[in-house]
Amino acid sequence: MPFTDVPAGSYYYDAVLWAVENGVTNGTSATTFGPSESCNRAQIVTFLWRAQKSPAATAANPFTDVAADAYYTNAVLWAVKEGVTAGTTATTFSPAADCTRAQIVTFIYRALAD
């Protein structure tokens, strides 16, 4: 476990370790995971995209608030292409907006359900 803020025996220890080992997350720094921090829309779609092995996203970027060089750009474009999310409007994704639990499970459902 590379993160000092993930105690052995915590209910999320194995999940965090799996996520790191599978390239889903790098943590909030080299030594922290931030288990009590909230996630935003960019982080959630990036987790899902990485869990799917970072598939190519060739769609044009319709969002004015998603910079071409942002760490989450390909994840956002993949999420839109796959129907995981359509953004908050036709031209905005709102990457910094916090995700509710309802939004997170909907993203997961849309990304993983057959």
Protein backbone atom coordinates (compact mmCIF):
# COMPACT_ATOMS: atom_id res chain seq x y z
CA MET A 1 0.00 0.00 0.00
CA PRO A 2 1.65 3.23 -1.12
CA PHE A 3 -0.72 5.51 0.81
CA THR A 4 -0.15 6.51 4.43
CA ASP A 5 -3.81 7.52 4.88
CA VAL A 6 -5.22 4.05 4.12
CA PRO A 7 -4.92 2.05 7.32
CA ALA A 8 -4.49 -1.71 7.23
CA GLY A 9 -7.76 -3.34 8.20
CA SER A 10 -9.95 -0.51 6.91
CA TYR A 11 -12.97 -1.62 4.89
CA TYR A 12 -11.60 0.11 1.79
CA TYR A 13 -7.98 -1.10 2.05
CA ASP A 14 -8.33 -3.93 -0.49
CA ALA A 15 -10.38 -1.76 -2.88
CA VAL A 16 -7.76 1.00 -2.85
CA LEU A 17 -4.95 -1.49 -3.34
CA TRP A 18 -6.83 -3.08 -6.27
CA ALA A 19 -7.48 0.33 -7.83
CA VAL A 20 -3.79 1.26 -7.63
CA GLU A 21 -2.58 -2.11 -8.91
CA ASN A 22 -5.01 -1.92 -11.85
CA GLY A 23 -4.21 1.68 -12.80
CA VAL A 24 -7.62 3.05 -11.82
CA THR A 25 -6.13 5.71 -9.56
CA ASN A 26 -2.79 7.14 -8.58
CA GLY A 27 -4.09 8.74 -5.40
CA THR A 28 -4.15 12.42 -4.57
CA SER A 29 -0.35 12.40 -4.18
CA ALA A 30 2.41 9.81 -4.18
CA THR A 31 1.70 9.02 -0.52
CA THR A 32 -1.99 9.88 0.00
CA PHE A 33 -5.29 8.55 -1.29
CA GLY A 34 -7.72 10.98 0.35
CA PRO A 35 -10.30 8.41 1.48
CA SER A 36 -12.57 11.05 3.06
CA GLU A 37 -12.46 13.46 0.12
CA SER A 38 -15.38 13.87 -2.27
CA CYS A 39 -15.04 12.98 -5.94
CA ASN A 40 -15.92 15.24 -8.81
CA ARG A 41 -17.34 14.34 -12.22
CA ALA A 42 -13.92 14.31 -13.90
CA GLN A 43 -12.50 11.91 -11.31
CA ILE A 44 -15.43 9.48 -11.49
CA VAL A 45 -15.41 9.16 -15.28
CA THR A 46 -11.60 8.82 -15.17
CA PHE A 47 -11.85 5.96 -12.66
CA LEU A 48 -14.38 4.20 -14.89
CA TRP A 49 -12.37 4.85 -18.06
CA ARG A 50 -9.20 3.49 -16.51
CA ALA A 51 -11.08 0.47 -15.12
CA GLN A 52 -12.10 -0.23 -18.73
CA LYS A 53 -8.39 -0.14 -19.73
CA SER A 54 -8.48 3.44 -21.10
CA PRO A 55 -10.14 2.79 -24.46
CA ALA A 56 -9.56 5.26 -27.26
CA ALA A 57 -12.00 8.13 -27.46
CA THR A 58 -12.21 9.57 -30.94
CA ALA A 59 -15.28 11.77 -30.55
CA ALA A 60 -15.04 15.52 -31.01
CA ASN A 61 -15.04 17.45 -27.74
CA PRO A 62 -18.36 19.32 -27.43
CA PHE A 63 -17.53 20.79 -24.00
CA THR A 64 -16.15 24.29 -23.53
CA ASP A 65 -15.06 23.43 -19.97
CA VAL A 66 -12.96 20.37 -20.91
CA ALA A 67 -9.52 21.48 -22.05
CA ALA A 68 -7.80 19.35 -24.68
CA ASP A 69 -4.84 18.75 -22.35
CA ALA A 70 -6.77 17.97 -19.14
CA TYR A 71 -5.98 14.61 -17.53
CA TYR A 72 -9.64 13.65 -17.85
CA THR A 73 -10.35 14.69 -21.47
CA ASN A 74 -10.15 11.22 -23.00
CA ALA A 75 -12.20 9.81 -20.13
CA VAL A 76 -14.93 12.41 -20.68
CA LEU A 77 -15.02 11.79 -24.43
CA TRP A 78 -15.20 8.03 -23.81
CA ALA A 79 -17.99 8.48 -21.24
CA VAL A 80 -20.05 10.55 -23.69
CA LYS A 81 -19.44 8.11 -26.56
CA GLU A 82 -20.47 5.15 -24.37
CA GLY A 83 -23.55 6.89 -22.97
CA VAL A 84 -22.22 7.02 -19.42
CA THR A 85 -23.04 10.73 -19.29
CA ALA A 86 -24.10 13.43 -21.68
CA GLY A 87 -22.66 16.33 -19.71
CA THR A 88 -24.56 18.88 -17.67
CA THR A 89 -25.58 20.82 -20.79
CA ALA A 90 -24.91 20.39 -24.50
CA THR A 91 -21.67 22.40 -24.17
CA THR A 92 -20.56 21.85 -20.55
CA PHE A 93 -19.39 18.82 -18.62
CA SER A 94 -18.82 20.51 -15.24
CA PRO A 95 -15.69 18.48 -14.42
CA ALA A 96 -15.17 20.08 -11.01
CA ALA A 97 -18.75 19.55 -9.82
CA ASP A 98 -19.11 17.04 -7.00
CA CYS A 99 -20.91 13.80 -7.82
CA THR A 100 -23.81 12.60 -5.76
CA ARG A 101 -24.06 8.94 -4.88
CA ALA A 102 -26.99 8.71 -7.31
CA GLN A 103 -24.87 10.11 -10.14
CA ILE A 104 -21.98 7.77 -9.33
CA VAL A 105 -24.08 4.61 -9.35
CA THR A 106 -25.76 5.77 -12.57
CA PHE A 107 -22.36 6.26 -14.21
CA ILE A 108 -21.27 2.80 -13.03
CA TYR A 109 -24.51 1.22 -14.23
CA ARG A 110 -24.25 2.82 -17.65
CA ALA A 111 -20.56 1.91 -17.99
CA LEU A 112 -20.82 -1.70 -16.84
CA ALA A 113 -24.39 -2.94 -17.40
CA ASP A 114 -25.00 -5.11 -20.43
